[in-house]
Amino acid sequence: MTDRADKSRERAIERGPEMPSILNEVSEWLDRAEQAREVAGQLTDPGARKAVLELAESFDRLARAAATPAVLRRRELAAKDRKRT
């Protein structure tokens, strides 16, 4: 997981302070959910497995939330404001 997280950070640094595209953000959250499920599959402790699976579900919810029309509209308006200043 560390290698993927490092690459993600490097991409964010290369992009600079701009907001990542919605597809990139959704993809990142879904990747994290997948990674968490992979880790959960390797855990033998039921409590730890449950906690990591709940984390994966949270990542899935964040991906869905990032793609909602209200969030998309808010980002569009913020981008317009940034261009004006």
Protein backbone atom coordinates (compact mmCIF):
# COMPACT_ATOMS: atom_id res chain seq x y z
CA MET A 1 0.00 0.00 0.00
CA THR A 2 2.86 2.39 0.69
CA ASP A 3 4.15 2.36 -2.89
CA ARG A 4 0.73 3.24 -4.28
CA ALA A 5 0.26 6.00 -1.70
CA ASP A 6 3.70 7.41 -2.52
CA LYS A 7 2.89 7.45 -6.24
CA SER A 8 -0.42 9.15 -5.51
CA ARG A 9 1.34 11.86 -3.50
CA GLU A 10 3.91 12.32 -6.28
CA ARG A 11 1.12 12.79 -8.84
CA ALA A 12 -0.56 15.35 -6.58
CA ILE A 13 2.71 17.28 -6.22
CA GLU A 14 3.26 17.23 -9.99
CA ARG A 15 -0.27 18.58 -10.56
CA GLY A 16 0.41 21.42 -8.20
CA PRO A 17 -2.25 23.17 -6.13
CA GLU A 18 -5.02 22.60 -8.69
CA MET A 19 -7.96 20.50 -7.64
CA PRO A 20 -7.72 17.01 -9.15
CA SER A 21 -10.33 16.07 -11.68
CA ILE A 22 -13.39 14.37 -10.30
CA LEU A 23 -12.54 11.13 -12.08
CA ASN A 24 -9.11 11.06 -10.51
CA GLU A 25 -10.54 11.69 -7.06
CA VAL A 26 -13.23 9.05 -7.40
CA SER A 27 -10.65 6.61 -8.73
CA GLU A 28 -8.35 7.29 -5.77
CA TRP A 29 -11.13 6.61 -3.23
CA LEU A 30 -12.13 3.42 -5.05
CA ASP A 31 -8.48 2.28 -5.16
CA ARG A 32 -8.19 2.84 -1.43
CA ALA A 33 -11.36 0.83 -0.84
CA GLU A 34 -9.95 -2.02 -2.91
CA GLN A 35 -6.66 -1.89 -1.03
CA ALA A 36 -8.47 -1.98 2.30
CA ARG A 37 -10.47 -5.04 1.20
CA GLU A 38 -7.24 -6.77 0.16
CA VAL A 39 -5.76 -6.07 3.59
CA ALA A 40 -8.95 -7.24 5.32
CA GLY A 41 -8.74 -10.51 3.40
CA GLN A 42 -5.32 -11.15 4.93
CA LEU A 43 -6.33 -10.43 8.52
CA THR A 44 -7.13 -13.24 10.92
CA ASP A 45 -8.50 -11.12 13.77
CA PRO A 46 -12.26 -10.71 13.25
CA GLY A 47 -12.37 -7.31 14.94
CA ALA A 48 -9.53 -5.95 12.86
CA ARG A 49 -11.04 -7.40 9.68
CA LYS A 50 -14.38 -5.76 10.46
CA ALA A 51 -12.72 -2.39 11.13
CA VAL A 52 -10.79 -2.48 7.85
CA LEU A 53 -13.91 -3.51 5.91
CA GLU A 54 -15.76 -0.57 7.48
CA LEU A 55 -12.92 1.67 6.34
CA ALA A 56 -13.33 0.29 2.81
CA GLU A 57 -17.04 1.12 2.95
CA SER A 58 -16.18 4.65 4.04
CA PHE A 59 -13.87 5.03 1.04
CA ASP A 60 -16.70 3.83 -1.21
CA ARG A 61 -19.02 6.44 0.32
CA LEU A 62 -16.42 9.15 -0.25
CA ALA A 63 -16.15 8.13 -3.91
CA ARG A 64 -19.93 8.34 -4.32
CA ALA A 65 -20.06 11.67 -2.51
CA ALA A 66 -17.31 13.13 -4.70
CA ALA A 67 -19.40 12.35 -7.77
CA THR A 68 -22.71 13.83 -6.56
CA PRO A 69 -24.19 16.69 -8.62
CA ALA A 70 -24.03 19.12 -5.69
CA VAL A 71 -20.32 18.51 -5.19
CA LEU A 72 -19.65 18.78 -8.91
CA ARG A 73 -21.52 22.10 -9.08
CA ARG A 74 -19.68 23.46 -6.05
CA ARG A 75 -16.35 22.57 -7.68
CA GLU A 76 -17.40 24.20 -10.93
CA LEU A 77 -18.28 27.42 -9.11
CA ALA A 78 -15.03 27.33 -7.13
CA ALA A 79 -13.02 26.91 -10.34
CA LYS A 80 -14.80 29.93 -11.86
CA ASP A 81 -14.02 31.99 -8.76
CA ARG A 82 -10.34 31.01 -8.96
CA LYS A 83 -10.18 32.08 -12.59
CA ARG A 84 -11.63 35.50 -11.74
CA THR A 85 -8.99 36.23 -9.12
